[in-house]
C-alpha atoms as a PDB file:
ATOM      1  CA  LYS A   1      -8.332  18.476  14.374  1.00  0.00           C
ATOM      2  CA  TYR A   2     -11.524  20.290  13.356  1.00  0.00           C
ATOM      3  CA  SER A   3     -14.718  18.792  12.031  1.00  0.00           C
ATOM      4  CA  MET A   4     -18.151  19.916  10.956  1.00  0.00           C
ATOM      5  CA  GLU A   5     -20.836  18.356   8.806  1.00  0.00           C
ATOM      6  CA  GLY A   6     -19.299  17.433   5.476  1.00  0.00           C
ATOM      7  CA  LEU A   7     -15.731  18.455   6.395  1.00  0.00           C
ATOM      8  CA  SER A   8     -12.885  17.462   8.670  1.00  0.00           C
ATOM      9  CA  ILE A   9      -9.337  18.846   8.865  1.00  0.00           C
ATOM     10  CA  SER A  10      -6.304  17.533  10.720  1.00  0.00           C
ATOM     11  CA  ALA A  11      -2.923  19.205  10.958  1.00  0.00           C
ATOM     12  CA  GLY A  12       0.352  18.041  12.498  1.00  0.00           C
ATOM     13  CA  ARG A  13       2.008  14.649  12.915  1.00  0.00           C
ATOM     14  CA  GLN A  14      -0.466  11.921  11.965  1.00  0.00           C
ATOM     15  CA  ALA A  15      -0.855   8.534  10.397  1.00  0.00           C
ATOM     16  CA  VAL A  16      -1.769   8.707   6.722  1.00  0.00           C
ATOM     17  CA  ASP A  17      -3.068   5.786   4.697  1.00  0.00           C
ATOM     18  CA  LEU A  18      -3.546   6.783   1.060  1.00  0.00           C
ATOM     19  CA  GLU A  19      -2.451   4.900  -2.058  1.00  0.00           C
ATOM     20  CA  TRP A  20       0.972   6.585  -2.278  1.00  0.00           C
ATOM     21  CA  LEU A  21       1.187   8.260   1.143  1.00  0.00           C
ATOM     22  CA  GLY A  22       1.731   5.960   4.072  1.00  0.00           C
ATOM     23  CA  ASP A  23       3.186   5.695   7.578  1.00  0.00           C
ATOM     24  CA  TYR A  24       3.443   9.022   9.521  1.00  0.00           C
ATOM     25  CA  HIS A  25       3.561  12.541   8.129  1.00  0.00           C
ATOM     26  CA  GLU A  26       3.789  16.122   9.232  1.00  0.00           C
ATOM     27  CA  ALA A  27       0.848  17.133   7.148  1.00  0.00           C
ATOM     28  CA  VAL A  28      -2.427  18.987   6.684  1.00  0.00           C
ATOM     29  CA  VAL A  29      -5.189  16.724   5.475  1.00  0.00           C
ATOM     30  CA  ALA A  30      -8.834  17.698   4.729  1.00  0.00           C
ATOM     31  CA  ALA A  31     -11.632  15.212   4.031  1.00  0.00           C
ATOM     32  CA  ILE A  32     -14.738  16.541   2.278  1.00  0.00           C
ATOM     33  CA  THR A  33     -17.918  14.398   2.359  1.00  0.00           C
ATOM     34  CA  ALA A  34     -20.516  16.979   1.396  1.00  0.00           C
ATOM     35  CA  ILE A  35     -21.017  15.406  -2.041  1.00  0.00           C
ATOM     36  CA  PRO A  36     -23.281  12.287  -1.834  1.00  0.00           C
ATOM     37  CA  ASP A  37     -21.411   8.952  -2.095  1.00  0.00           C
ATOM     38  CA  THR A  38     -18.075  10.810  -2.487  1.00  0.00           C
ATOM     39  CA  THR A  39     -15.099  11.459  -0.278  1.00  0.00           C
ATOM     40  CA  VAL A  40     -12.541  14.007  -1.431  1.00  0.00           C
ATOM     41  CA  VAL A  41      -9.209  14.092   0.402  1.00  0.00           C
ATOM     42  CA  LEU A  42      -6.874  17.093  -0.035  1.00  0.00           C
ATOM     43  CA  GLY A  43      -3.487  17.032   1.586  1.00  0.00           C
ATOM     44  CA  TYR A  44      -0.032  18.547   1.884  1.00  0.00           C
ATOM     45  CA  THR A  45       2.892  16.769   3.577  1.00  0.00           C
ATOM     46  CA  GLN A  46       6.392  18.063   4.245  1.00  0.00           C
ATOM     47  CA  ARG A  47       8.064  15.414   6.458  1.00  0.00           C
ATOM     48  CA  LYS A  48       7.708  11.697   6.846  1.00  0.00           C
ATOM     49  CA  ALA A  49       8.604   9.015   9.472  1.00  0.00           C
ATOM     50  CA  GLU A  50       8.131   5.276   9.675  1.00  0.00           C
ATOM     51  CA  SER A  51       7.591   3.316  12.833  1.00  0.00           C
ATOM     52  CA  GLY A  52       7.219  -0.432  12.899  1.00  0.00           C
ATOM     53  CA  ILE A  53       8.407  -3.670  14.534  1.00  0.00           C
ATOM     54  CA  ASP A  54      11.582  -3.833  12.482  1.00  0.00           C
ATOM     55  CA  LEU A  55      12.115  -0.169  11.482  1.00  0.00           C
ATOM     56  CA  SER A  56      11.945   3.121  13.270  1.00  0.00           C
ATOM     57  CA  GLU A  57      13.094   6.477  11.874  1.00  0.00           C
ATOM     58  CA  ASP A  58      12.822  10.173  12.761  1.00  0.00           C
ATOM     59  CA  PHE A  59      10.690  12.638  10.800  1.00  0.00           C
ATOM     60  CA  HIS A  60      12.675  13.872   7.850  1.00  0.00           C
ATOM     61  CA  GLU A  61      12.184  16.135   4.826  1.00  0.00           C
ATOM     62  CA  PHE A  62      11.774  14.204   1.570  1.00  0.00           C
ATOM     63  CA  ASN A  63      11.573  17.023  -0.970  1.00  0.00           C
ATOM     64  CA  GLY A  64      13.413  19.892   0.660  1.00  0.00           C
ATOM     65  CA  ASN A  65      10.865  22.363   1.942  1.00  0.00           C
ATOM     66  CA  LYS A  66       8.550  21.788  -1.008  1.00  0.00           C
ATOM     67  CA  GLY A  67       6.832  18.631   0.237  1.00  0.00           C
ATOM     68  CA  ALA A  68       4.111  16.923  -1.779  1.00  0.00           C
ATOM     69  CA  TYR A  69       0.444  17.538  -2.506  1.00  0.00           C
ATOM     70  CA  VAL A  70      -2.374  15.084  -3.029  1.00  0.00           C
ATOM     71  CA  ILE A  71      -6.010  14.959  -4.128  1.00  0.00           C
ATOM     72  CA  ASP A  72      -7.703  11.641  -3.658  1.00  0.00           C
ATOM     73  CA  VAL A  73     -11.362  10.999  -4.617  1.00  0.00           C
ATOM     74  CA  LYS A  74     -13.514   7.946  -3.779  1.00  0.00           C
ATOM     75  CA  TYR A  75     -16.878   7.581  -5.381  1.00  0.00           C
ATOM     76  CA  ALA A  76     -19.228   4.733  -4.295  1.00  0.00           C
ATOM     77  CA  GLY A  77     -22.459   5.742  -5.932  1.00  0.00           C
ATOM     78  CA  LEU A  78     -22.790   2.482  -7.893  1.00  0.00           C
ATOM     79  CA  GLU A  79     -23.661  -0.665  -5.966  1.00  0.00           C
ATOM     80  CA  GLY A  80     -20.620  -2.881  -5.457  1.00  0.00           C
ATOM     81  CA  VAL A  81     -18.242  -0.553  -7.267  1.00  0.00           C
ATOM     82  CA  GLU A  82     -15.830   2.109  -5.947  1.00  0.00           C
ATOM     83  CA  PHE A  83     -13.848   4.448  -8.225  1.00  0.00           C
ATOM     84  CA  ASN A  84     -10.729   6.027  -6.771  1.00  0.00           C
ATOM     85  CA  PRO A  85      -8.998   8.564  -9.078  1.00  0.00           C
ATOM     86  CA  TYR A  86      -6.072  10.475  -7.561  1.00  0.00           C
ATOM     87  CA  ALA A  87      -3.260  12.879  -8.365  1.00  0.00           C
ATOM     88  CA  TYR A  88      -0.001  13.626  -6.494  1.00  0.00           C
ATOM     89  CA  SER A  89       2.553  16.343  -7.046  1.00  0.00           C
ATOM     90  CA  ALA A  90       6.066  16.630  -5.553  1.00  0.00           C
ATOM     91  CA  PRO A  91       7.310  19.959  -7.064  1.00  0.00           C
ATOM     92  CA  ASP A  92      10.499  19.661  -9.120  1.00  0.00           C
ATOM     93  CA  VAL A  93      10.517  15.882  -8.608  1.00  0.00           C
ATOM     94  CA  ALA A  94       7.457  14.180 -10.174  1.00  0.00           C
ATOM     95  CA  ASP A  95       3.714  14.188 -10.674  1.00  0.00           C
ATOM     96  CA  TRP A  96       1.691  11.016 -10.735  1.00  0.00           C
ATOM     97  CA  TYR A  97      -1.837  10.035 -11.454  1.00  0.00           C
ATOM     98  CA  GLY A  98      -3.900   6.850 -11.152  1.00  0.00           C
ATOM     99  CA  LEU A  99      -7.284   5.193 -11.067  1.00  0.00           C
ATOM    100  CA  LYS A 100      -8.124   2.353  -8.752  1.00  0.00           C
ATOM    101  CA  THR A 101     -11.418   0.512  -9.253  1.00  0.00           C
ATOM    102  CA  THR A 102     -12.739  -1.971  -6.687  1.00  0.00           C
ATOM    103  CA  PHE A 103     -15.573  -4.440  -7.388  1.00  0.00           C
ATOM    104  CA  THR A 104     -17.292  -6.126  -4.502  1.00  0.00           C
ATOM    105  CA  ALA A 105     -19.986  -8.853  -4.565  1.00  0.00           C
ATOM    106  CA  ASP A 106     -21.260 -11.365  -1.974  1.00  0.00           C
ATOM    107  CA  MET A 107     -18.423 -13.867  -2.377  1.00  0.00           C
ATOM    108  CA  PHE A 108     -16.283 -12.287  -5.050  1.00  0.00           C
ATOM    109  CA  GLY A 109     -14.176  -9.197  -5.437  1.00  0.00           C
ATOM    110  CA  ALA A 110     -11.705  -7.635  -7.840  1.00  0.00           C
ATOM    111  CA  VAL A 111      -9.261  -4.745  -8.016  1.00  0.00           C
ATOM    112  CA  ALA A 112      -8.005  -3.019 -11.151  1.00  0.00           C
ATOM    113  CA  HIS A 113      -5.459  -0.279 -10.661  1.00  0.00           C
ATOM    114  CA  TYR A 114      -3.156   1.665 -12.973  1.00  0.00           C
ATOM    115  CA  ALA A 115      -0.865   4.664 -12.343  1.00  0.00           C
ATOM    116  CA  ILE A 116       1.632   6.664 -14.330  1.00  0.00           C
ATOM    117  CA  SER A 117       4.255   9.226 -13.268  1.00  0.00           C
ATOM    118  CA  SER A 118       5.679  12.270 -15.016  1.00  0.00           C
ATOM    119  CA  GLU A 119       9.256  12.428 -13.742  1.00  0.00           C
ATOM    120  CA  ASP A 120      11.469  15.540 -13.751  1.00  0.00           C
ATOM    121  CA  THR A 121      14.769  13.716 -13.310  1.00  0.00           C
ATOM    122  CA  GLN A 122      14.303  10.500 -15.259  1.00  0.00           C
ATOM    123  CA  ASP A 123      11.972   8.750 -17.727  1.00  0.00           C
ATOM    124  CA  ASP A 124       8.325   8.343 -16.748  1.00  0.00           C
ATOM    125  CA  GLY A 125       7.210   5.295 -14.715  1.00  0.00           C
ATOM    126  CA  SER A 126       4.074   3.203 -14.558  1.00  0.00           C
ATOM    127  CA  ILE A 127       2.476   0.375 -12.643  1.00  0.00           C
ATOM    128  CA  GLY A 128      -0.583  -1.835 -13.127  1.00  0.00           C
ATOM    129  CA  HIS A 129      -2.230  -4.164 -10.599  1.00  0.00           C
ATOM    130  CA  LEU A 130      -5.012  -6.736 -11.005  1.00  0.00           C
ATOM    131  CA  GLU A 131      -6.405  -8.855  -8.139  1.00  0.00           C
ATOM    132  CA  LEU A 132      -9.210 -11.342  -7.752  1.00  0.00           C
ATOM    133  CA  ASN A 133     -10.392 -12.331  -4.299  1.00  0.00           C
ATOM    134  CA  THR A 134     -13.112 -14.426  -2.672  1.00  0.00           C
ATOM    135  CA  THR A 135     -14.355 -15.729   0.608  1.00  0.00           C
ATOM    136  CA  LEU A 136     -15.803 -19.212   0.899  1.00  0.00           C
ATOM    137  CA  ALA A 137     -16.650 -21.151   4.062  1.00  0.00           C
ATOM    138  CA  GLY A 138     -14.693 -18.719   6.166  1.00  0.00           C
ATOM    139  CA  VAL A 139     -11.575 -18.910   4.025  1.00  0.00           C
ATOM    140  CA  SER A 140     -10.408 -15.775   2.206  1.00  0.00           C
ATOM    141  CA  ALA A 141      -8.243 -16.179  -0.901  1.00  0.00           C
ATOM    142  CA  ALA A 142      -6.705 -13.846  -3.437  1.00  0.00           C
ATOM    143  CA  VAL A 143      -4.500 -14.013  -6.519  1.00  0.00           C
ATOM    144  CA  GLY A 144      -2.902 -10.997  -8.148  1.00  0.00           C
ATOM    145  CA  TYR A 145      -0.508  -9.684 -10.815  1.00  0.00           C
ATOM    146  CA  ILE A 146       1.604  -6.491 -10.694  1.00  0.00           C
ATOM    147  CA  LYS A 147       3.546  -5.054 -13.675  1.00  0.00           C
ATOM    148  CA  THR A 148       5.834  -2.017 -13.809  1.00  0.00           C
ATOM    149  CA  ASP A 149       7.368   0.029 -16.654  1.00  0.00           C
ATOM    150  CA  LYS A 150      10.063  -1.769 -18.577  1.00  0.00           C
ATOM    151  CA  ASP A 151      12.728   0.905 -18.114  1.00  0.00           C
ATOM    152  CA  VAL A 152      11.923   2.845 -14.921  1.00  0.00           C
ATOM    153  CA  GLY A 153       9.546   0.664 -12.972  1.00  0.00           C
ATOM    154  CA  ALA A 154       7.148   2.579 -10.776  1.00  0.00           C
ATOM    155  CA  GLY A 155       9.515   5.516 -10.812  1.00  0.00           C
ATOM    156  CA  LEU A 156       9.386   7.735  -7.702  1.00  0.00           C
ATOM    157  CA  MET A 157       5.773   6.903  -6.840  1.00  0.00           C
ATOM    158  CA  PRO A 158       6.569   4.601  -3.937  1.00  0.00           C
ATOM    159  CA  THR A 159       8.856   7.167  -2.277  1.00  0.00           C
ATOM    160  CA  TYR A 160       6.380   8.475   0.294  1.00  0.00           C
ATOM    161  CA  GLY A 161       4.469   5.262   1.030  1.00  0.00           C
ATOM    162  CA  ASP A 162       2.741   2.540  -0.976  1.00  0.00           C
ATOM    163  CA  ASN A 163      -0.174   0.111  -0.746  1.00  0.00           C
ATOM    164  CA  ILE A 164       0.109  -2.081  -3.840  1.00  0.00           C
ATOM    165  CA  SER A 165       2.810  -4.570  -2.836  1.00  0.00           C
ATOM    166  CA  PRO A 166       1.169  -7.276  -0.638  1.00  0.00           C
ATOM    167  CA  PHE A 167       4.507  -8.516   0.828  1.00  0.00           C
ATOM    168  CA  GLU A 168       6.217  -7.699   4.116  1.00  0.00           C
ATOM    169  CA  ASP A 169       9.333  -6.684   2.119  1.00  0.00           C
ATOM    170  CA  GLY A 170       8.667  -6.978  -1.611  1.00  0.00           C
ATOM    171  CA  ASN A 171      12.175  -5.780  -2.463  1.00  0.00           C
ATOM    172  CA  GLN A 172      11.776  -5.895  -6.241  1.00  0.00           C
ATOM    173  CA  VAL A 173       8.070  -5.229  -6.786  1.00  0.00           C
ATOM    174  CA  TYR A 174       8.560  -1.603  -7.962  1.00  0.00           C
ATOM    175  CA  GLU A 175      11.790  -2.138  -9.875  1.00  0.00           C
ATOM    176  CA  ALA A 176      12.182  -1.801 -13.661  1.00  0.00           C
ATOM    177  CA  ASP A 177      10.326  -4.406 -15.684  1.00  0.00           C
ATOM    178  CA  ALA A 178       9.051  -6.158 -12.582  1.00  0.00           C
ATOM    179  CA  ARG A 179       6.324  -8.763 -13.025  1.00  0.00           C
ATOM    180  CA  THR A 180       4.913 -10.103  -9.771  1.00  0.00           C
ATOM    181  CA  VAL A 181       2.420 -12.915  -9.255  1.00  0.00           C
ATOM    182  CA  TYR A 182       1.126 -13.751  -5.809  1.00  0.00           C
ATOM    183  CA  GLY A 183      -1.558 -15.726  -3.957  1.00  0.00           C
ATOM    184  CA  SER A 184      -2.798 -15.604  -0.373  1.00  0.00           C
ATOM    185  CA  LEU A 185      -5.078 -17.526   1.982  1.00  0.00           C
ATOM    186  CA  GLY A 186      -6.577 -16.419   5.294  1.00  0.00           C
ATOM    187  CA  TYR A 187      -8.628 -18.193   7.918  1.00  0.00           C
ATOM    188  CA  THR A 188      -9.951 -17.345  11.403  1.00  0.00           C
ATOM    189  CA  ILE A 189     -10.478 -19.958  14.064  1.00  0.00           C
ATOM    190  CA  ALA A 190     -11.505 -19.097  17.659  1.00  0.00           C
ATOM    191  CA  ASP A 191     -10.474 -15.453  17.089  1.00  0.00           C
ATOM    192  CA  LEU A 192      -7.017 -16.568  15.871  1.00  0.00           C
ATOM    193  CA  GLU A 193      -6.356 -15.033  12.436  1.00  0.00           C
ATOM    194  CA  LEU A 194      -3.997 -17.072  10.218  1.00  0.00           C
ATOM    195  CA  GLY A 195      -2.568 -16.018   6.878  1.00  0.00           C
ATOM    196  CA  VAL A 196      -0.153 -17.218   4.222  1.00  0.00           C
ATOM    197  CA  LEU A 197       1.100 -15.213   1.281  1.00  0.00           C
ATOM    198  CA  TYR A 198       3.511 -16.378  -1.408  1.00  0.00           C
ATOM    199  CA  GLY A 199       4.705 -14.729  -4.585  1.00  0.00           C
ATOM    200  CA  GLN A 200       7.454 -14.315  -7.122  1.00  0.00           C
ATOM    201  CA  THR A 201       8.849 -11.253  -8.810  1.00  0.00           C
ATOM    202  CA  THR A 202      10.650 -11.519 -12.151  1.00  0.00           C
ATOM    203  CA  TYR A 203      12.480  -8.272 -12.921  1.00  0.00           C
ATOM    204  CA  GLY A 204      15.118  -6.577 -15.096  1.00  0.00           C
ATOM    205  CA  ALA A 205      16.554  -7.371 -18.497  1.00  0.00           C
ATOM    206  CA  ALA A 206      18.039 -10.652 -17.192  1.00  0.00           C
ATOM    207  CA  ASP A 207      14.687 -11.858 -15.804  1.00  0.00           C
ATOM    208  CA  ASP A 208      16.092 -12.204 -12.302  1.00  0.00           C
ATOM    209  CA  LYS A 209      13.711 -13.702  -9.751  1.00  0.00           C
ATOM    210  CA  GLU A 210      12.910 -13.114  -6.080  1.00  0.00           C
ATOM    211  CA  LYS A 211      10.433 -15.234  -4.116  1.00  0.00           C
ATOM    212  CA  GLU A 212       8.828 -14.303  -0.814  1.00  0.00           C
ATOM    213  CA  LEU A 213       6.750 -16.260   1.731  1.00  0.00           C
ATOM    214  CA  ASN A 214       4.873 -14.547   4.565  1.00  0.00           C
ATOM    215  CA  LEU A 215       3.201 -16.498   7.348  1.00  0.00           C
ATOM    216  CA  THR A 216       1.120 -14.489   9.873  1.00  0.00           C
ATOM    217  CA  ALA A 217      -0.922 -15.094  12.992  1.00  0.00           C
ATOM    218  CA  SER A 218      -2.687 -12.539  15.192  1.00  0.00           C
ATOM    219  CA  TYR A 219      -4.898 -12.896  18.295  1.00  0.00           C
ATOM    220  CA  PRO A 220      -6.990 -10.303  20.168  1.00  0.00           C
ATOM    221  CA  ILE A 221      -6.169 -10.862  23.857  1.00  0.00           C
ATOM    222  CA  THR A 222      -8.692  -8.205  24.930  1.00  0.00           C
ATOM    223  CA  GLU A 223     -10.626  -5.472  23.090  1.00  0.00           C
ATOM    224  CA  SER A 224      -7.561  -3.165  23.352  1.00  0.00           C
ATOM    225  CA  LEU A 225      -4.675  -5.665  23.484  1.00  0.00           C
ATOM    226  CA  ALA A 226      -3.567  -7.850  20.555  1.00  0.00           C
ATOM    227  CA  ALA A 227      -0.607 -10.077  19.764  1.00  0.00           C
ATOM    228  CA  SER A 228       0.797 -10.910  16.324  1.00  0.00           C
ATOM    229  CA  ILE A 229       3.651 -12.809  14.768  1.00  0.00           C
ATOM    230  CA  LEU A 230       5.049 -12.859  11.264  1.00  0.00           C
ATOM    231  CA  TYR A 231       7.560 -15.151   9.583  1.00  0.00           C
ATOM    232  CA  GLY A 232       9.107 -13.908   6.344  1.00  0.00           C
ATOM    233  CA  ASP A 233      11.345 -15.884   4.026  1.00  0.00           C
ATOM    234  CA  VAL A 234      12.990 -14.292   0.970  1.00  0.00           C
ATOM    235  CA  THR A 235      14.771 -16.313  -1.765  1.00  0.00           C
ATOM    236  CA  ALA A 236      16.789 -13.866  -3.830  1.00  0.00           C
ATOM    237  CA  GLU A 237      18.418 -14.250  -7.251  1.00  0.00           C
ATOM    238  CA  LEU A 238      21.816 -14.428  -5.556  1.00  0.00           C
ATOM    239  CA  SER A 239      21.790 -17.020  -2.748  1.00  0.00           C
ATOM    240  CA  ASN A 240      24.002 -14.757  -0.665  1.00  0.00           C
ATOM    241  CA  ASP A 241      21.063 -12.337  -0.478  1.00  0.00           C
ATOM    242  CA  ASP A 242      18.578 -14.932   0.918  1.00  0.00           C
ATOM    243  CA  TYR A 243      17.243 -14.260   4.375  1.00  0.00           C
ATOM    244  CA  ASN A 244      14.387 -14.986   6.754  1.00  0.00           C
ATOM    245  CA  LYS A 245      13.027 -13.162   9.784  1.00  0.00           C
ATOM    246  CA  VAL A 246      10.511 -13.422  12.617  1.00  0.00           C
ATOM    247  CA  LEU A 247       8.655 -10.366  13.842  1.00  0.00           C
ATOM    248  CA  ALA A 248       6.497 -10.533  17.018  1.00  0.00           C
ATOM    249  CA  SER A 249       4.552  -7.719  18.643  1.00  0.00           C
ATOM    250  CA  VAL A 250       1.985  -6.926  21.339  1.00  0.00           C
ATOM    251  CA  GLU A 251      -0.112  -3.859  20.559  1.00  0.00           C
ATOM    252  CA  TYR A 252      -2.261  -1.760  22.941  1.00  0.00           C
ATOM    253  CA  THR A 253      -4.777   0.677  21.491  1.00  0.00           C
ATOM    254  CA  PHE A 254      -6.663   3.422  23.302  1.00  0.00           C
END
């Protein structure tokens, strides 16, 4: 890592949390903050890995030795509004572009997000996302809607990581002609954070449906030690594909 006023650069294996780059990457990432109220992130990644409670994988190449490039800009010069335009390019695979706008007020918030892809191996994809959220008397609530392209869905955009789907699994959210509605509630009592999320995705020409319920609880045991548990239940179009799971973890940070 290297940093100076207005610029920081990191190279190597690192966690990345951008709109379409997530988990862990072998990457070079630069963040430029020299422009007032603006953060510009430039990055290149060649290998990706995922590590979580229920999945762990080695670093692997995802576009041969060509990798993927990103430019991600966040502008917060207007009170209560953040604009986030971005562009990604995976050579010989796809390019995709989007704009995410976040509105924040005292008790109310909203997200409007749209992205399109230019695919080299199939038709172009697209995805739109709208969310309204609020916090009242210590209870946070949100409702949202996600819609993908009728023929291709989100295309190859979710390949390297994603942040739109709110679900633990969300198996069909990015599929062709997927229409997802969801709602969530959150509440904290005596440092115990409780959450519930429920939604349904209708997808494909036959309007198949998949429903998902996520129940979560997390508790900070100490400043550096926290415990969490998640219950997930998926009701699929075919009853043979229904499943549920419980994930529990204790995490130490330093």
